PDB file of N, CA and C in Angstrom:
ATOM      1  N   MET A   1     -12.884  22.383  10.250  1.00  0.00           N
ATOM      2  CA  MET A   1     -12.520  21.118   9.633  1.00  0.00           C
ATOM      3  C   MET A   1     -11.166  21.260   8.947  1.00  0.00           C
ATOM      4  N   GLY A   2     -10.393  20.190   9.020  1.00  0.00           N
ATOM      5  CA  GLY A   2      -9.056  20.196   8.441  1.00  0.00           C
ATOM      6  C   GLY A   2      -9.034  19.642   7.038  1.00  0.00           C
ATOM      7  N   LYS A   3      -7.824  19.457   6.558  1.00  0.00           N
ATOM      8  CA  LYS A   3      -7.594  18.871   5.239  1.00  0.00           C
ATOM      9  C   LYS A   3      -8.009  17.406   5.232  1.00  0.00           C
ATOM     10  N   ALA A   4      -8.042  16.838   4.056  1.00  0.00           N
ATOM     11  CA  ALA A   4      -8.258  15.396   3.943  1.00  0.00           C
ATOM     12  C   ALA A   4      -6.987  14.679   4.406  1.00  0.00           C
ATOM     13  N   THR A   5      -7.171  13.474   4.912  1.00  0.00           N
ATOM     14  CA  THR A   5      -6.051  12.657   5.373  1.00  0.00           C
ATOM     15  C   THR A   5      -6.199  11.261   4.794  1.00  0.00           C
ATOM     16  N   GLY A   6      -5.129  10.780   4.214  1.00  0.00           N
ATOM     17  CA  GLY A   6      -5.092   9.398   3.737  1.00  0.00           C
ATOM     18  C   GLY A   6      -4.089   8.632   4.574  1.00  0.00           C
ATOM     19  N   ILE A   7      -4.503   7.490   5.089  1.00  0.00           N
ATOM     20  CA  ILE A   7      -3.627   6.677   5.931  1.00  0.00           C
ATOM     21  C   ILE A   7      -3.460   5.318   5.267  1.00  0.00           C
ATOM     22  N   ILE A   8      -2.210   4.897   5.186  1.00  0.00           N
ATOM     23  CA  ILE A   8      -1.908   3.561   4.675  1.00  0.00           C
ATOM     24  C   ILE A   8      -0.991   2.887   5.682  1.00  0.00           C
ATOM     25  N   GLU A   9      -1.376   1.714   6.131  1.00  0.00           N
ATOM     26  CA  GLU A   9      -0.537   0.920   7.025  1.00  0.00           C
ATOM     27  C   GLU A   9       0.136  -0.165   6.204  1.00  0.00           C
ATOM     28  N   VAL A  10       1.454  -0.265   6.375  1.00  0.00           N
ATOM     29  CA  VAL A  10       2.242  -1.230   5.601  1.00  0.00           C
ATOM     30  C   VAL A  10       3.104  -2.066   6.539  1.00  0.00           C
ATOM     31  N   TYR A  11       3.620  -3.167   6.004  1.00  0.00           N
ATOM     32  CA  TYR A  11       4.519  -4.026   6.767  1.00  0.00           C
ATOM     33  C   TYR A  11       5.946  -3.522   6.620  1.00  0.00           C
ATOM     34  N   GLY A  12       6.492  -2.921   7.696  1.00  0.00           N
ATOM     35  CA  GLY A  12       7.898  -2.558   7.729  1.00  0.00           C
ATOM     36  C   GLY A  12       8.224  -1.145   7.305  1.00  0.00           C
ATOM     37  N   LEU A  13       9.391  -0.702   7.759  1.00  0.00           N
ATOM     38  CA  LEU A  13       9.824   0.666   7.511  1.00  0.00           C
ATOM     39  C   LEU A  13      10.244   0.890   6.062  1.00  0.00           C
ATOM     40  N   VAL A  14      10.846  -0.107   5.431  1.00  0.00           N
ATOM     41  CA  VAL A  14      11.240   0.047   4.025  1.00  0.00           C
ATOM     42  C   VAL A  14      10.000   0.271   3.170  1.00  0.00           C
ATOM     43  N   ALA A  15       8.977  -0.526   3.381  1.00  0.00           N
ATOM     44  CA  ALA A  15       7.737  -0.351   2.613  1.00  0.00           C
ATOM     45  C   ALA A  15       7.115   1.016   2.885  1.00  0.00           C
ATOM     46  N   ALA A  16       7.248   1.518   4.112  1.00  0.00           N
ATOM     47  CA  ALA A  16       6.706   2.839   4.436  1.00  0.00           C
ATOM     48  C   ALA A  16       7.411   3.926   3.631  1.00  0.00           C
ATOM     49  N   PHE A  17       8.736   3.847   3.544  1.00  0.00           N
ATOM     50  CA  PHE A  17       9.466   4.852   2.764  1.00  0.00           C
ATOM     51  C   PHE A  17       9.143   4.744   1.275  1.00  0.00           C
ATOM     52  N   VAL A  18       9.036   3.534   0.773  1.00  0.00           N
ATOM     53  CA  VAL A  18       8.691   3.338  -0.640  1.00  0.00           C
ATOM     54  C   VAL A  18       7.285   3.880  -0.910  1.00  0.00           C
ATOM     55  N   ALA A  19       6.341   3.581  -0.013  1.00  0.00           N
ATOM     56  CA  ALA A  19       4.963   4.060  -0.165  1.00  0.00           C
ATOM     57  C   ALA A  19       4.905   5.575  -0.090  1.00  0.00           C
ATOM     58  N   CYS A  20       5.620   6.150   0.859  1.00  0.00           N
ATOM     59  CA  CYS A  20       5.645   7.605   1.027  1.00  0.00           C
ATOM     60  C   CYS A  20       6.186   8.284  -0.227  1.00  0.00           C
ATOM     61  N   ASP A  21       7.282   7.769  -0.742  1.00  0.00           N
ATOM     62  CA  ASP A  21       7.888   8.347  -1.940  1.00  0.00           C
ATOM     63  C   ASP A  21       6.934   8.282  -3.129  1.00  0.00           C
ATOM     64  N   ALA A  22       6.308   7.124  -3.315  1.00  0.00           N
ATOM     65  CA  ALA A  22       5.374   6.964  -4.438  1.00  0.00           C
ATOM     66  C   ALA A  22       4.177   7.898  -4.299  1.00  0.00           C
ATOM     67  N   GLY A  23       3.631   8.006  -3.089  1.00  0.00           N
ATOM     68  CA  GLY A  23       2.478   8.876  -2.876  1.00  0.00           C
ATOM     69  C   GLY A  23       2.796  10.338  -3.119  1.00  0.00           C
ATOM     70  N   CYS A  24       3.966  10.765  -2.659  1.00  0.00           N
ATOM     71  CA  CYS A  24       4.367  12.164  -2.842  1.00  0.00           C
ATOM     72  C   CYS A  24       4.660  12.492  -4.306  1.00  0.00           C
ATOM     73  N   LYS A  25       5.151  11.507  -5.055  1.00  0.00           N
ATOM     74  CA  LYS A  25       5.406  11.724  -6.480  1.00  0.00           C
ATOM     75  C   LYS A  25       4.116  11.733  -7.289  1.00  0.00           C
ATOM     76  N   ALA A  26       3.094  11.041  -6.795  1.00  0.00           N
ATOM     77  CA  ALA A  26       1.850  10.903  -7.554  1.00  0.00           C
ATOM     78  C   ALA A  26       0.879  12.071  -7.359  1.00  0.00           C
ATOM     79  N   ALA A  27       1.034  12.821  -6.260  1.00  0.00           N
ATOM     80  CA  ALA A  27       0.038  13.854  -5.968  1.00  0.00           C
ATOM     81  C   ALA A  27       0.649  14.971  -5.130  1.00  0.00           C
ATOM     82  N   ASP A  28      -0.054  16.091  -5.104  1.00  0.00           N
ATOM     83  CA  ASP A  28       0.374  17.252  -4.325  1.00  0.00           C
ATOM     84  C   ASP A  28      -0.111  17.077  -2.887  1.00  0.00           C
ATOM     85  N   VAL A  29       0.703  16.386  -2.075  1.00  0.00           N
ATOM     86  CA  VAL A  29       0.356  16.103  -0.685  1.00  0.00           C
ATOM     87  C   VAL A  29       1.539  16.425   0.220  1.00  0.00           C
ATOM     88  N   THR A  30       1.247  16.549   1.486  1.00  0.00           N
ATOM     89  CA  THR A  30       2.288  16.606   2.499  1.00  0.00           C
ATOM     90  C   THR A  30       2.163  15.338   3.339  1.00  0.00           C
ATOM     91  N   VAL A  31       3.182  15.083   4.161  1.00  0.00           N
ATOM     92  CA  VAL A  31       3.205  13.860   4.957  1.00  0.00           C
ATOM     93  C   VAL A  31       3.362  14.211   6.430  1.00  0.00           C
ATOM     94  N   GLU A  32       2.552  13.581   7.263  1.00  0.00           N
ATOM     95  CA  GLU A  32       2.716  13.691   8.718  1.00  0.00           C
ATOM     96  C   GLU A  32       3.779  12.677   9.146  1.00  0.00           C
ATOM     97  N   ASN A  33       4.166  12.721  10.420  1.00  0.00           N
ATOM     98  CA  ASN A  33       5.115  11.742  10.947  1.00  0.00           C
ATOM     99  C   ASN A  33       4.611  10.322  10.730  1.00  0.00           C
ATOM    100  N   PHE A  34       5.528   9.425  10.417  1.00  0.00           N
ATOM    101  CA  PHE A  34       5.171   8.006  10.373  1.00  0.00           C
ATOM    102  C   PHE A  34       4.788   7.584  11.790  1.00  0.00           C
ATOM    103  N   ASP A  35       3.985   6.551  11.876  1.00  0.00           N
ATOM    104  CA  ASP A  35       3.645   5.981  13.177  1.00  0.00           C
ATOM    105  C   ASP A  35       3.873   4.486  13.106  1.00  0.00           C
ATOM    106  N   LYS A  36       4.131   3.857  14.245  1.00  0.00           N
ATOM    107  CA  LYS A  36       4.398   2.423  14.247  1.00  0.00           C
ATOM    108  C   LYS A  36       3.460   1.701  15.199  1.00  0.00           C
ATOM    109  N   ASN A  37       3.302   0.429  14.918  1.00  0.00           N
ATOM    110  CA  ASN A  37       2.493  -0.442  15.747  1.00  0.00           C
ATOM    111  C   ASN A  37       3.131  -1.823  15.712  1.00  0.00           C
ATOM    112  N   LYS A  38       3.542  -2.310  16.860  1.00  0.00           N
ATOM    113  CA  LYS A  38       4.049  -3.676  16.924  1.00  0.00           C
ATOM    114  C   LYS A  38       2.882  -4.552  17.354  1.00  0.00           C
ATOM    115  N   PRO A  39       2.399  -5.360  16.447  1.00  0.00           N
ATOM    116  CA  PRO A  39       1.223  -6.178  16.757  1.00  0.00           C
ATOM    117  C   PRO A  39       1.532  -7.259  17.795  1.00  0.00           C
ATOM    118  N   GLY A  40       0.490  -7.799  18.383  1.00  0.00           N
ATOM    119  CA  GLY A  40       0.633  -8.823  19.409  1.00  0.00           C
ATOM    120  C   GLY A  40       1.122 -10.152  18.876  1.00  0.00           C
ATOM    121  N   ASN A  41       1.055 -10.358  17.571  1.00  0.00           N
ATOM    122  CA  ASN A  41       1.469 -11.631  16.967  1.00  0.00           C
ATOM    123  C   ASN A  41       2.623 -11.432  15.981  1.00  0.00           C
ATOM    124  N   PRO A  42       3.709 -10.762  16.374  1.00  0.00           N
ATOM    125  CA  PRO A  42       4.752 -10.409  15.400  1.00  0.00           C
ATOM    126  C   PRO A  42       5.405 -11.614  14.725  1.00  0.00           C
ATOM    127  N   ASP A  43       5.488 -12.734  15.418  1.00  0.00           N
ATOM    128  CA  ASP A  43       6.144 -13.909  14.842  1.00  0.00           C
ATOM    129  C   ASP A  43       5.357 -14.529  13.686  1.00  0.00           C
ATOM    130  N   SER A  44       4.070 -14.231  13.621  1.00  0.00           N
ATOM    131  CA  SER A  44       3.260 -14.802  12.545  1.00  0.00           C
ATOM    132  C   SER A  44       3.213 -13.902  11.311  1.00  0.00           C
ATOM    133  N   LEU A  45       3.829 -12.717  11.384  1.00  0.00           N
ATOM    134  CA  LEU A  45       3.817 -11.779  10.265  1.00  0.00           C
ATOM    135  C   LEU A  45       5.117 -11.850   9.483  1.00  0.00           C
ATOM    136  N   LYS A  46       5.059 -11.511   8.200  1.00  0.00           N
ATOM    137  CA  LYS A  46       6.275 -11.531   7.386  1.00  0.00           C
ATOM    138  C   LYS A  46       7.252 -10.436   7.800  1.00  0.00           C
ATOM    139  N   VAL A  47       6.747  -9.326   8.317  1.00  0.00           N
ATOM    140  CA  VAL A  47       7.561  -8.251   8.889  1.00  0.00           C
ATOM    141  C   VAL A  47       6.884  -7.875  10.214  1.00  0.00           C
ATOM    142  N   PRO A  48       7.624  -7.919  11.336  1.00  0.00           N
ATOM    143  CA  PRO A  48       6.972  -7.748  12.651  1.00  0.00           C
ATOM    144  C   PRO A  48       6.707  -6.306  13.071  1.00  0.00           C
ATOM    145  N   LEU A  49       6.609  -5.399  12.133  1.00  0.00           N
ATOM    146  CA  LEU A  49       6.335  -4.004  12.446  1.00  0.00           C
ATOM    147  C   LEU A  49       5.356  -3.452  11.416  1.00  0.00           C
ATOM    148  N   ILE A  50       4.331  -2.777  11.898  1.00  0.00           N
ATOM    149  CA  ILE A  50       3.371  -2.125  11.009  1.00  0.00           C
ATOM    150  C   ILE A  50       3.600  -0.620  11.113  1.00  0.00           C
ATOM    151  N   VAL A  51       3.732   0.038   9.961  1.00  0.00           N
ATOM    152  CA  VAL A  51       3.996   1.479   9.927  1.00  0.00           C
ATOM    153  C   VAL A  51       2.859   2.175   9.184  1.00  0.00           C
ATOM    154  N   ALA A  52       2.378   3.275   9.765  1.00  0.00           N
ATOM    155  CA  ALA A  52       1.337   4.082   9.134  1.00  0.00           C
ATOM    156  C   ALA A  52       1.968   5.308   8.486  1.00  0.00           C
ATOM    157  N   VAL A  53       1.638   5.520   7.216  1.00  0.00           N
ATOM    158  CA  VAL A  53       2.041   6.709   6.471  1.00  0.00           C
ATOM    159  C   VAL A  53       0.781   7.552   6.315  1.00  0.00           C
ATOM    160  N   LYS A  54       0.885   8.849   6.639  1.00  0.00           N
ATOM    161  CA  LYS A  54      -0.294   9.725   6.640  1.00  0.00           C
ATOM    162  C   LYS A  54      -0.089  10.873   5.654  1.00  0.00           C
ATOM    163  N   PHE A  55      -0.883  10.882   4.591  1.00  0.00           N
ATOM    164  CA  PHE A  55      -0.833  11.938   3.576  1.00  0.00           C
ATOM    165  C   PHE A  55      -1.889  12.988   3.874  1.00  0.00           C
ATOM    166  N   ARG A  56      -1.582  14.266   3.589  1.00  0.00           N
ATOM    167  CA  ARG A  56      -2.526  15.369   3.802  1.00  0.00           C
ATOM    168  C   ARG A  56      -2.670  16.177   2.524  1.00  0.00           C
ATOM    169  N   GLY A  57      -3.865  16.648   2.254  1.00  0.00           N
ATOM    170  CA  GLY A  57      -4.126  17.467   1.081  1.00  0.00           C
ATOM    171  C   GLY A  57      -5.602  17.468   0.744  1.00  0.00           C
ATOM    172  N   THR A  58      -5.910  17.710  -0.526  1.00  0.00           N
ATOM    173  CA  THR A  58      -7.305  17.639  -0.969  1.00  0.00           C
ATOM    174  C   THR A  58      -7.713  16.168  -1.067  1.00  0.00           C
ATOM    175  N   VAL A  59      -8.998  15.932  -1.098  1.00  0.00           N
ATOM    176  CA  VAL A  59      -9.489  14.554  -1.192  1.00  0.00           C
ATOM    177  C   VAL A  59      -8.932  13.871  -2.441  1.00  0.00           C
ATOM    178  N   ASP A  60      -8.974  14.557  -3.582  1.00  0.00           N
ATOM    179  CA  ASP A  60      -8.479  13.957  -4.824  1.00  0.00           C
ATOM    180  C   ASP A  60      -6.988  13.644  -4.747  1.00  0.00           C
ATOM    181  N   ASN A  61      -6.189  14.578  -4.222  1.00  0.00           N
ATOM    182  CA  ASN A  61      -4.750  14.343  -4.122  1.00  0.00           C
ATOM    183  C   ASN A  61      -4.417  13.241  -3.116  1.00  0.00           C
ATOM    184  N   VAL A  62      -5.095  13.241  -1.990  1.00  0.00           N
ATOM    185  CA  VAL A  62      -4.857  12.209  -0.980  1.00  0.00           C
ATOM    186  C   VAL A  62      -5.243  10.838  -1.531  1.00  0.00           C
ATOM    187  N   THR A  63      -6.339  10.766  -2.242  1.00  0.00           N
ATOM    188  CA  THR A  63      -6.771   9.494  -2.832  1.00  0.00           C
ATOM    189  C   THR A  63      -5.734   8.988  -3.834  1.00  0.00           C
ATOM    190  N   ALA A  64      -5.234   9.873  -4.666  1.00  0.00           N
ATOM    191  CA  ALA A  64      -4.206   9.484  -5.642  1.00  0.00           C
ATOM    192  C   ALA A  64      -2.932   9.037  -4.936  1.00  0.00           C
ATOM    193  N   ALA A  65      -2.551   9.740  -3.884  1.00  0.00           N
ATOM    194  CA  ALA A  65      -1.342   9.376  -3.144  1.00  0.00           C
ATOM    195  C   ALA A  65      -1.477   8.005  -2.488  1.00  0.00           C
ATOM    196  N   VAL A  66      -2.614   7.751  -1.878  1.00  0.00           N
ATOM    197  CA  VAL A  66      -2.830   6.452  -1.217  1.00  0.00           C
ATOM    198  C   VAL A  66      -2.821   5.316  -2.236  1.00  0.00           C
ATOM    199  N   GLU A  67      -3.435   5.524  -3.379  1.00  0.00           N
ATOM    200  CA  GLU A  67      -3.446   4.475  -4.410  1.00  0.00           C
ATOM    201  C   GLU A  67      -2.029   4.174  -4.909  1.00  0.00           C
ATOM    202  N   ALA A  68      -1.253   5.221  -5.167  1.00  0.00           N
ATOM    203  CA  ALA A  68       0.134   5.021  -5.613  1.00  0.00           C
ATOM    204  C   ALA A  68       0.959   4.357  -4.519  1.00  0.00           C
ATOM    205  N   ALA A  69       0.755   4.775  -3.279  1.00  0.00           N
ATOM    206  CA  ALA A  69       1.476   4.190  -2.148  1.00  0.00           C
ATOM    207  C   ALA A  69       1.131   2.713  -1.987  1.00  0.00           C
ATOM    208  N   LYS A  70      -0.132   2.391  -2.178  1.00  0.00           N
ATOM    209  CA  LYS A  70      -0.593   0.999  -2.052  1.00  0.00           C
ATOM    210  C   LYS A  70       0.079   0.110  -3.097  1.00  0.00           C
ATOM    211  N   GLU A  71       0.110   0.559  -4.319  1.00  0.00           N
ATOM    212  CA  GLU A  71       0.765  -0.211  -5.383  1.00  0.00           C
ATOM    213  C   GLU A  71       2.241  -0.421  -5.073  1.00  0.00           C
ATOM    214  N   ALA A  72       2.913   0.637  -4.619  1.00  0.00           N
ATOM    215  CA  ALA A  72       4.347   0.550  -4.326  1.00  0.00           C
ATOM    216  C   ALA A  72       4.628  -0.367  -3.142  1.00  0.00           C
ATOM    217  N   ALA A  73       3.858  -0.235  -2.070  1.00  0.00           N
ATOM    218  CA  ALA A  73       4.084  -1.056  -0.873  1.00  0.00           C
ATOM    219  C   ALA A  73       3.805  -2.533  -1.144  1.00  0.00           C
ATOM    220  N   ASN A  74       2.836  -2.810  -1.999  1.00  0.00           N
ATOM    221  CA  ASN A  74       2.539  -4.215  -2.329  1.00  0.00           C
ATOM    222  C   ASN A  74       3.693  -4.871  -3.083  1.00  0.00           C
ATOM    223  N   ARG A  75       4.534  -4.077  -3.733  1.00  0.00           N
ATOM    224  CA  ARG A  75       5.703  -4.634  -4.417  1.00  0.00           C
ATOM    225  C   ARG A  75       6.844  -4.924  -3.430  1.00  0.00           C
ATOM    226  N   VAL A  76       6.751  -4.382  -2.216  1.00  0.00           N
ATOM    227  CA  VAL A  76       7.812  -4.578  -1.224  1.00  0.00           C
ATOM    228  C   VAL A  76       7.421  -5.665  -0.231  1.00  0.00           C
ATOM    229  N   SER A  77       6.528  -5.344   0.693  1.00  0.00           N
ATOM    230  CA  SER A  77       6.150  -6.328   1.708  1.00  0.00           C
ATOM    231  C   SER A  77       4.659  -6.398   1.976  1.00  0.00           C
ATOM    232  N   GLY A  78       3.900  -5.462   1.442  1.00  0.00           N
ATOM    233  CA  GLY A  78       2.452  -5.552   1.547  1.00  0.00           C
ATOM    234  C   GLY A  78       1.793  -4.455   2.355  1.00  0.00           C
ATOM    235  N   VAL A  79       0.484  -4.395   2.213  1.00  0.00           N
ATOM    236  CA  VAL A  79      -0.354  -3.378   2.840  1.00  0.00           C
ATOM    237  C   VAL A  79      -1.285  -4.052   3.841  1.00  0.00           C
ATOM    238  N   VAL A  80      -1.405  -3.440   5.009  1.00  0.00           N
ATOM    239  CA  VAL A  80      -2.344  -3.932   6.018  1.00  0.00           C
ATOM    240  C   VAL A  80      -3.734  -3.381   5.724  1.00  0.00           C
ATOM    241  N   THR A  81      -3.830  -2.047   5.609  1.00  0.00           N
ATOM    242  CA  THR A  81      -5.115  -1.401   5.347  1.00  0.00           C
ATOM    243  C   THR A  81      -4.893   0.035   4.880  1.00  0.00           C
ATOM    244  N   THR A  82      -5.925   0.636   4.315  1.00  0.00           N
ATOM    245  CA  THR A  82      -5.901   2.052   3.939  1.00  0.00           C
ATOM    246  C   THR A  82      -7.220   2.688   4.352  1.00  0.00           C
ATOM    247  N   HIS A  83      -7.187   3.999   4.532  1.00  0.00           N
ATOM    248  CA  HIS A  83      -8.426   4.721   4.821  1.00  0.00           C
ATOM    249  C   HIS A  83      -8.240   6.192   4.469  1.00  0.00           C
ATOM    250  N   ILE A  84      -9.326   6.828   4.020  1.00  0.00           N
ATOM    251  CA  ILE A  84      -9.311   8.249   3.696  1.00  0.00           C
ATOM    252  C   ILE A  84     -10.328   8.965   4.585  1.00  0.00           C
ATOM    253  N   LEU A  85      -9.860   9.989   5.289  1.00  0.00           N
ATOM    254  CA  LEU A  85     -10.740  10.879   6.051  1.00  0.00           C
ATOM    255  C   LEU A  85     -10.905  12.127   5.190  1.00  0.00           C
ATOM    256  N   THR A  86     -12.122  12.458   4.808  1.00  0.00           N
ATOM    257  CA  THR A  86     -12.321  13.583   3.893  1.00  0.00           C
ATOM    258  C   THR A  86     -12.061  14.932   4.545  1.00  0.00           C
ATOM    259  N   SER A  87     -12.241  15.033   5.837  1.00  0.00           N
ATOM    260  CA  SER A  87     -11.867  16.231   6.596  1.00  0.00           C
ATOM    261  C   SER A  87     -11.734  15.802   8.053  1.00  0.00           C
ATOM    262  N   THR A  88     -10.877  16.492   8.776  1.00  0.00           N
ATOM    263  CA  THR A  88     -10.610  16.055  10.141  1.00  0.00           C
ATOM    264  C   THR A  88     -10.987  17.128  11.148  1.00  0.00           C
ATOM    265  N   GLU A  89     -11.429  16.683  12.300  1.00  0.00           N
ATOM    266  CA  GLU A  89     -11.766  17.568  13.408  1.00  0.00           C
ATOM    267  C   GLU A  89     -10.488  18.010  14.115  1.00  0.00           C
ATOM    268  N   PRO A  90     -10.516  19.097  14.867  1.00  0.00           N
ATOM    269  CA  PRO A  90      -9.313  19.593  15.552  1.00  0.00           C
ATOM    270  C   PRO A  90      -8.626  18.544  16.442  1.00  0.00           C
ATOM    271  N   ASP A  91      -9.389  17.754  17.168  1.00  0.00           N
ATOM    272  CA  ASP A  91      -8.764  16.734  18.018  1.00  0.00           C
ATOM    273  C   ASP A  91      -8.057  15.665  17.184  1.00  0.00           C
ATOM    274  N   THR A  92      -8.620  15.337  16.049  1.00  0.00           N
ATOM    275  CA  THR A  92      -7.975  14.384  15.150  1.00  0.00           C
ATOM    276  C   THR A  92      -6.705  14.998  14.576  1.00  0.00           C
ATOM    277  N   GLU A  93      -6.752  16.275  14.238  1.00  0.00           N
ATOM    278  CA  GLU A  93      -5.563  16.981  13.749  1.00  0.00           C
ATOM    279  C   GLU A  93      -4.421  16.832  14.752  1.00  0.00           C
ATOM    280  N   HIS A  94      -4.724  17.004  16.024  1.00  0.00           N
ATOM    281  CA  HIS A  94      -3.714  16.874  17.075  1.00  0.00           C
ATOM    282  C   HIS A  94      -3.132  15.459  17.096  1.00  0.00           C
ATOM    283  N   MET A  95      -3.970  14.467  17.004  1.00  0.00           N
ATOM    284  CA  MET A  95      -3.528  13.070  17.079  1.00  0.00           C
ATOM    285  C   MET A  95      -2.671  12.680  15.871  1.00  0.00           C
ATOM    286  N   LEU A  96      -2.916  13.287  14.717  1.00  0.00           N
ATOM    287  CA  LEU A  96      -2.133  12.978  13.525  1.00  0.00           C
ATOM    288  C   LEU A  96      -0.667  13.368  13.675  1.00  0.00           C
ATOM    289  N   LYS A  97      -0.386  14.301  14.553  1.00  0.00           N
ATOM    290  CA  LYS A  97       0.996  14.774  14.762  1.00  0.00           C
ATOM    291  C   LYS A  97       1.797  13.820  15.657  1.00  0.00           C
ATOM    292  N   LEU A  98       1.125  12.958  16.399  1.00  0.00           N
ATOM    293  CA  LEU A  98       1.798  12.046  17.327  1.00  0.00           C
ATOM    294  C   LEU A  98       2.424  10.872  16.577  1.00  0.00           C
ATOM    295  N   SER A  99       3.480  10.331  17.156  1.00  0.00           N
ATOM    296  CA  SER A  99       4.157   9.196  16.519  1.00  0.00           C
ATOM    297  C   SER A  99       4.731   8.263  17.575  1.00  0.00           C
ATOM    298  N   GLY A 100       4.512   6.971  17.386  1.00  0.00           N
ATOM    299  CA  GLY A 100       5.123   5.959  18.248  1.00  0.00           C
ATOM    300  C   GLY A 100       6.624   5.884  18.082  1.00  0.00           C
ATOM    301  N   PHE A 101       7.156   6.415  16.996  1.00  0.00           N
ATOM    302  CA  PHE A 101       8.600   6.419  16.786  1.00  0.00           C
ATOM    303  C   PHE A 101       9.295   7.367  17.758  1.00  0.00           C
ATOM    304  N   ASP A 102       8.539   8.288  18.356  1.00  0.00           N
ATOM    305  CA  ASP A 102       9.114   9.231  19.311  1.00  0.00           C
ATOM    306  C   ASP A 102       9.294   8.622  20.697  1.00  0.00           C
ATOM    307  N   LYS A 103       8.780   7.418  20.896  1.00  0.00           N
ATOM    308  CA  LYS A 103       8.824   6.776  22.204  1.00  0.00           C
ATOM    309  C   LYS A 103       9.739   5.562  22.169  1.00  0.00           C
ATOM    310  N   ASN A 104      10.333   5.263  23.284  1.00  0.00           N
ATOM    311  CA  ASN A 104      11.203   4.070  23.364  1.00  0.00           C
ATOM    312  C   ASN A 104      10.410   2.820  23.615  1.00  0.00           C
TER     313      ASN A 104
END
């Protein structure tokens, strides 16, 4: 089993950087690559790109990072969703390293 993982999806890249910075300042965590998702209804959203920020560490640190990131992102453009995985399986560990930003 791997470390805990906290995932926060936010609207836009600026909010992702703000959320990442706040989460890293609030707790002892590391960050995986950002990931992106262009939803099927981009014209109906305030920002047409959803970015996932993934924090890694202990459950307590990841929880603190996600909460701080959520507060920060809500001041920018908003949060889509958050989730905490208390420990990850090897296949999930592999998937956390992938990023849509690496593809055209």
